[in-house]
Amino acid sequence: MRLPVYRSNIVFVISEADAIRKLEQVLRRVDARLVLDKPSVRYMAEPFAGVEYGLRLGSARALLFMPEADLVSPEWETRLFKRLEAAKRYLETFPQDRLTRR
């Protein structure tokens, strides 16, 4: 059983480090081109508990939210996979930078 972590008066059920580990683990299965922006990962308690994180696919970037319930659920891998697949489809709608570096 995981004990909550306290920071001031906010209770964190999942640490940012655990959230990063889980997101990266599932991202590799969704698409190796998806990149997690680790410095952007932060726990949010209001208005809903969860983790805000940045995700990149090529030159497309988005700041997204993962509910804490999905991260701590016994089915967390399935839940994250579905949400990250949807995030990938969203990022694919943005035009990609077609310039190549030489």
N, C-alpha and C. Protein backbone atom coordinates (compact mmCIF):
# COMPACT_ATOMS: atom_id res chain seq x y z
N MET A 1 0.84 -1.17 0.00
CA MET A 1 0.00 0.00 0.00
C MET A 1 0.89 1.24 0.00
N ARG A 2 0.57 2.18 -0.87
CA ARG A 2 1.35 3.41 -0.98
C ARG A 2 0.80 4.46 -0.02
N LEU A 3 1.67 5.04 0.77
CA LEU A 3 1.26 6.09 1.71
C LEU A 3 1.33 7.44 1.03
N PRO A 4 0.41 8.33 1.36
CA PRO A 4 0.45 9.66 0.74
C PRO A 4 1.66 10.46 1.18
N VAL A 5 2.11 11.34 0.32
CA VAL A 5 3.21 12.25 0.60
C VAL A 5 2.60 13.62 0.86
N TYR A 6 3.03 14.29 1.93
CA TYR A 6 2.47 15.59 2.27
C TYR A 6 3.43 16.71 1.91
N ARG A 7 2.94 17.74 1.25
CA ARG A 7 3.69 18.98 0.98
C ARG A 7 2.75 20.10 1.35
N SER A 8 3.09 20.84 2.37
CA SER A 8 2.22 21.85 2.98
C SER A 8 0.90 21.19 3.32
N ASN A 9 -0.21 21.69 2.79
CA ASN A 9 -1.50 21.09 3.12
C ASN A 9 -2.09 20.28 1.96
N ILE A 10 -1.27 19.92 0.98
CA ILE A 10 -1.71 19.15 -0.18
C ILE A 10 -1.24 17.71 -0.01
N VAL A 11 -2.12 16.75 -0.25
CA VAL A 11 -1.78 15.33 -0.15
C VAL A 11 -1.50 14.80 -1.56
N PHE A 12 -0.33 14.24 -1.75
CA PHE A 12 0.06 13.65 -3.03
C PHE A 12 0.01 12.14 -2.89
N VAL A 13 -0.85 11.49 -3.65
CA VAL A 13 -0.92 10.04 -3.60
C VAL A 13 0.14 9.43 -4.52
N ILE A 14 0.50 10.16 -5.59
CA ILE A 14 1.56 9.69 -6.49
C ILE A 14 2.61 10.79 -6.59
N SER A 15 3.86 10.40 -6.55
CA SER A 15 4.93 11.40 -6.68
C SER A 15 5.12 11.75 -8.16
N GLU A 16 5.72 12.89 -8.39
CA GLU A 16 6.02 13.28 -9.77
C GLU A 16 6.98 12.29 -10.40
N ALA A 17 7.93 11.78 -9.63
CA ALA A 17 8.89 10.79 -10.16
C ALA A 17 8.17 9.51 -10.58
N ASP A 18 7.21 9.05 -9.78
CA ASP A 18 6.45 7.86 -10.16
C ASP A 18 5.60 8.12 -11.40
N ALA A 19 5.03 9.31 -11.49
CA ALA A 19 4.23 9.66 -12.66
C ALA A 19 5.10 9.67 -13.91
N ILE A 20 6.29 10.23 -13.82
CA ILE A 20 7.22 10.24 -14.96
C ILE A 20 7.56 8.82 -15.38
N ARG A 21 7.88 7.97 -14.40
CA ARG A 21 8.23 6.58 -14.70
C ARG A 21 7.09 5.88 -15.44
N LYS A 22 5.88 6.04 -14.96
CA LYS A 22 4.73 5.37 -15.58
C LYS A 22 4.44 5.93 -16.98
N LEU A 23 4.49 7.26 -17.11
CA LEU A 23 4.25 7.87 -18.42
C LEU A 23 5.28 7.40 -19.43
N GLU A 24 6.55 7.41 -19.06
CA GLU A 24 7.60 6.98 -19.99
C GLU A 24 7.46 5.51 -20.36
N GLN A 25 7.10 4.69 -19.41
CA GLN A 25 6.94 3.26 -19.67
C GLN A 25 5.86 3.02 -20.73
N VAL A 26 4.75 3.72 -20.62
CA VAL A 26 3.65 3.52 -21.56
C VAL A 26 3.92 4.24 -22.88
N LEU A 27 4.56 5.40 -22.83
CA LEU A 27 4.87 6.13 -24.06
C LEU A 27 5.66 5.28 -25.04
N ARG A 28 6.61 4.51 -24.54
CA ARG A 28 7.42 3.64 -25.42
C ARG A 28 6.56 2.65 -26.18
N ARG A 29 5.48 2.19 -25.55
CA ARG A 29 4.58 1.23 -26.20
C ARG A 29 3.65 1.90 -27.20
N VAL A 30 3.30 3.15 -26.95
CA VAL A 30 2.38 3.87 -27.85
C VAL A 30 3.11 4.26 -29.12
N ASP A 31 4.24 4.97 -28.98
CA ASP A 31 5.01 5.42 -30.15
C ASP A 31 6.35 5.94 -29.65
N ALA A 32 7.42 5.40 -30.17
CA ALA A 32 8.76 5.79 -29.73
C ALA A 32 9.09 7.25 -30.05
N ARG A 33 8.32 7.86 -30.96
CA ARG A 33 8.56 9.26 -31.32
C ARG A 33 8.01 10.24 -30.30
N LEU A 34 7.13 9.78 -29.42
CA LEU A 34 6.56 10.65 -28.38
C LEU A 34 7.60 10.91 -27.31
N VAL A 35 7.75 12.19 -26.93
CA VAL A 35 8.75 12.58 -25.95
C VAL A 35 8.05 13.31 -24.79
N LEU A 36 8.31 12.84 -23.59
CA LEU A 36 7.80 13.48 -22.39
C LEU A 36 8.72 14.62 -21.99
N ASP A 37 8.16 15.79 -21.75
CA ASP A 37 8.94 16.94 -21.27
C ASP A 37 8.97 16.85 -19.74
N LYS A 38 10.00 16.19 -19.22
CA LYS A 38 10.08 15.92 -17.77
C LYS A 38 10.01 17.17 -16.89
N PRO A 39 10.68 18.28 -17.26
CA PRO A 39 10.60 19.46 -16.39
C PRO A 39 9.18 20.02 -16.26
N SER A 40 8.30 19.71 -17.20
CA SER A 40 6.94 20.25 -17.14
C SER A 40 6.02 19.41 -16.25
N VAL A 41 6.46 18.25 -15.82
CA VAL A 41 5.61 17.37 -15.02
C VAL A 41 5.44 17.96 -13.62
N ARG A 42 4.18 18.18 -13.23
CA ARG A 42 3.92 18.70 -11.89
C ARG A 42 2.57 18.21 -11.40
N TYR A 43 2.50 17.95 -10.13
CA TYR A 43 1.27 17.50 -9.50
C TYR A 43 0.33 18.68 -9.32
N MET A 44 -0.93 18.46 -9.56
CA MET A 44 -1.96 19.48 -9.35
C MET A 44 -3.07 18.88 -8.50
N ALA A 45 -3.49 19.60 -7.48
CA ALA A 45 -4.57 19.12 -6.62
C ALA A 45 -5.91 19.77 -6.97
N GLU A 46 -5.87 20.93 -7.58
CA GLU A 46 -7.08 21.69 -7.88
C GLU A 46 -7.14 22.01 -9.36
N PRO A 47 -8.22 22.03 -10.04
CA PRO A 47 -9.54 21.65 -9.54
C PRO A 47 -9.72 20.14 -9.45
N PHE A 48 -8.82 19.38 -10.10
CA PHE A 48 -8.86 17.92 -10.02
C PHE A 48 -7.46 17.41 -9.72
N ALA A 49 -7.36 16.36 -8.94
CA ALA A 49 -6.05 15.78 -8.62
C ALA A 49 -5.48 15.07 -9.85
N GLY A 50 -4.22 15.34 -10.13
CA GLY A 50 -3.57 14.70 -11.26
C GLY A 50 -2.24 15.33 -11.58
N VAL A 51 -1.72 14.99 -12.74
CA VAL A 51 -0.40 15.45 -13.15
C VAL A 51 -0.51 16.18 -14.48
N GLU A 52 0.06 17.38 -14.51
CA GLU A 52 0.17 18.14 -15.75
C GLU A 52 1.51 17.76 -16.37
N TYR A 53 1.55 17.57 -17.69
CA TYR A 53 2.79 17.17 -18.34
C TYR A 53 2.83 17.65 -19.78
N GLY A 54 4.03 17.88 -20.28
CA GLY A 54 4.21 18.27 -21.67
C GLY A 54 4.56 17.05 -22.50
N LEU A 55 4.02 17.03 -23.72
CA LEU A 55 4.27 15.91 -24.63
C LEU A 55 4.63 16.48 -25.99
N ARG A 56 5.60 15.87 -26.65
CA ARG A 56 6.08 16.34 -27.96
C ARG A 56 6.07 15.19 -28.96
N LEU A 57 5.63 15.52 -30.17
CA LEU A 57 5.71 14.60 -31.30
C LEU A 57 6.25 15.42 -32.46
N GLY A 58 7.52 15.22 -32.79
CA GLY A 58 8.16 16.07 -33.80
C GLY A 58 8.18 17.50 -33.31
N SER A 59 7.65 18.43 -34.11
CA SER A 59 7.62 19.83 -33.69
C SER A 59 6.31 20.20 -32.99
N ALA A 60 5.38 19.27 -32.91
CA ALA A 60 4.11 19.52 -32.22
C ALA A 60 4.28 19.30 -30.72
N ARG A 61 3.75 20.24 -29.95
CA ARG A 61 3.86 20.16 -28.49
C ARG A 61 2.51 20.46 -27.87
N ALA A 62 2.26 19.83 -26.72
CA ALA A 62 1.02 20.09 -26.00
C ALA A 62 1.25 19.93 -24.51
N LEU A 63 0.54 20.72 -23.72
CA LEU A 63 0.53 20.59 -22.28
C LEU A 63 -0.77 19.87 -21.93
N LEU A 64 -0.66 18.71 -21.31
CA LEU A 64 -1.80 17.84 -21.07
C LEU A 64 -1.98 17.54 -19.59
N PHE A 65 -3.04 16.84 -19.27
CA PHE A 65 -3.36 16.51 -17.89
C PHE A 65 -3.72 15.03 -17.79
N MET A 66 -3.17 14.34 -16.79
CA MET A 66 -3.49 12.94 -16.52
C MET A 66 -4.11 12.87 -15.14
N PRO A 67 -5.37 12.43 -15.03
CA PRO A 67 -6.00 12.32 -13.72
C PRO A 67 -5.24 11.35 -12.81
N GLU A 68 -5.16 11.71 -11.55
CA GLU A 68 -4.48 10.87 -10.58
C GLU A 68 -5.11 9.48 -10.51
N ALA A 69 -6.43 9.42 -10.65
CA ALA A 69 -7.13 8.13 -10.59
C ALA A 69 -6.58 7.16 -11.64
N ASP A 70 -6.21 7.68 -12.81
CA ASP A 70 -5.65 6.82 -13.86
C ASP A 70 -4.25 6.35 -13.49
N LEU A 71 -3.49 7.20 -12.83
CA LEU A 71 -2.10 6.87 -12.49
C LEU A 71 -1.98 5.87 -11.34
N VAL A 72 -2.97 5.84 -10.44
CA VAL A 72 -2.87 4.96 -9.27
C VAL A 72 -3.80 3.75 -9.36
N SER A 73 -4.57 3.66 -10.42
CA SER A 73 -5.49 2.54 -10.61
C SER A 73 -4.71 1.23 -10.82
N PRO A 74 -5.28 0.09 -10.41
CA PRO A 74 -4.64 -1.19 -10.73
C PRO A 74 -4.52 -1.41 -12.25
N GLU A 75 -5.37 -0.76 -13.02
CA GLU A 75 -5.33 -0.86 -14.49
C GLU A 75 -4.61 0.34 -15.10
N TRP A 76 -3.62 0.91 -14.40
CA TRP A 76 -3.00 2.14 -14.85
C TRP A 76 -2.37 2.03 -16.24
N GLU A 77 -1.80 0.88 -16.57
CA GLU A 77 -1.15 0.74 -17.89
C GLU A 77 -2.17 0.86 -19.02
N THR A 78 -3.31 0.22 -18.86
CA THR A 78 -4.36 0.28 -19.88
C THR A 78 -4.92 1.69 -19.99
N ARG A 79 -5.17 2.31 -18.85
CA ARG A 79 -5.72 3.67 -18.85
C ARG A 79 -4.77 4.66 -19.50
N LEU A 80 -3.48 4.60 -19.12
CA LEU A 80 -2.52 5.51 -19.70
C LEU A 80 -2.34 5.25 -21.19
N PHE A 81 -2.33 3.99 -21.58
CA PHE A 81 -2.17 3.66 -23.00
C PHE A 81 -3.28 4.32 -23.82
N LYS A 82 -4.53 4.20 -23.37
CA LYS A 82 -5.65 4.80 -24.10
C LYS A 82 -5.54 6.31 -24.17
N ARG A 83 -5.18 6.94 -23.05
CA ARG A 83 -5.08 8.40 -23.03
C ARG A 83 -3.90 8.90 -23.87
N LEU A 84 -2.78 8.18 -23.82
CA LEU A 84 -1.61 8.60 -24.59
C LEU A 84 -1.77 8.33 -26.07
N GLU A 85 -2.53 7.30 -26.44
CA GLU A 85 -2.88 7.09 -27.85
C GLU A 85 -3.71 8.27 -28.36
N ALA A 86 -4.66 8.71 -27.55
CA ALA A 86 -5.50 9.86 -27.92
C ALA A 86 -4.65 11.13 -28.04
N ALA A 87 -3.69 11.30 -27.13
CA ALA A 87 -2.80 12.46 -27.19
C ALA A 87 -1.96 12.42 -28.46
N LYS A 88 -1.51 11.25 -28.85
CA LYS A 88 -0.73 11.10 -30.08
C LYS A 88 -1.57 11.49 -31.29
N ARG A 89 -2.81 11.01 -31.34
CA ARG A 89 -3.70 11.37 -32.46
C ARG A 89 -3.91 12.88 -32.51
N TYR A 90 -4.03 13.51 -31.34
CA TYR A 90 -4.19 14.96 -31.28
C TYR A 90 -2.95 15.66 -31.82
N LEU A 91 -1.77 15.25 -31.38
CA LEU A 91 -0.53 15.87 -31.83
C LEU A 91 -0.30 15.67 -33.33
N GLU A 92 -0.78 14.57 -33.86
CA GLU A 92 -0.61 14.30 -35.30
C GLU A 92 -1.43 15.26 -36.16
N THR A 93 -2.40 15.96 -35.58
CA THR A 93 -3.21 16.91 -36.36
C THR A 93 -2.47 18.21 -36.62
N PHE A 94 -1.37 18.45 -35.89
CA PHE A 94 -0.61 19.67 -36.08
C PHE A 94 0.38 19.50 -37.22
N PRO A 95 0.60 20.57 -38.00
CA PRO A 95 1.60 20.47 -39.08
C PRO A 95 2.99 20.23 -38.49
N GLN A 96 3.73 19.41 -39.16
CA GLN A 96 5.10 19.12 -38.72
C GLN A 96 6.09 19.98 -39.48
N ASP A 97 7.17 20.36 -38.82
CA ASP A 97 8.24 21.14 -39.45
C ASP A 97 8.91 20.25 -40.50
N ARG A 98 8.85 20.68 -41.74
CA ARG A 98 9.39 19.86 -42.82
C ARG A 98 10.83 20.23 -43.19
N LEU A 99 11.41 21.17 -42.48
CA LEU A 99 12.80 21.55 -42.77
C LEU A 99 13.73 20.47 -42.24
N THR A 100 14.71 20.15 -43.03
CA THR A 100 15.70 19.17 -42.58
C THR A 100 17.00 19.88 -42.30
N ARG A 101 17.66 19.48 -41.24
CA ARG A 101 18.96 20.08 -40.92
C ARG A 101 20.06 19.32 -41.61
N ARG A 102 21.04 20.07 -42.07
CA ARG A 102 22.18 19.44 -42.74
C ARG A 102 23.43 19.71 -41.98
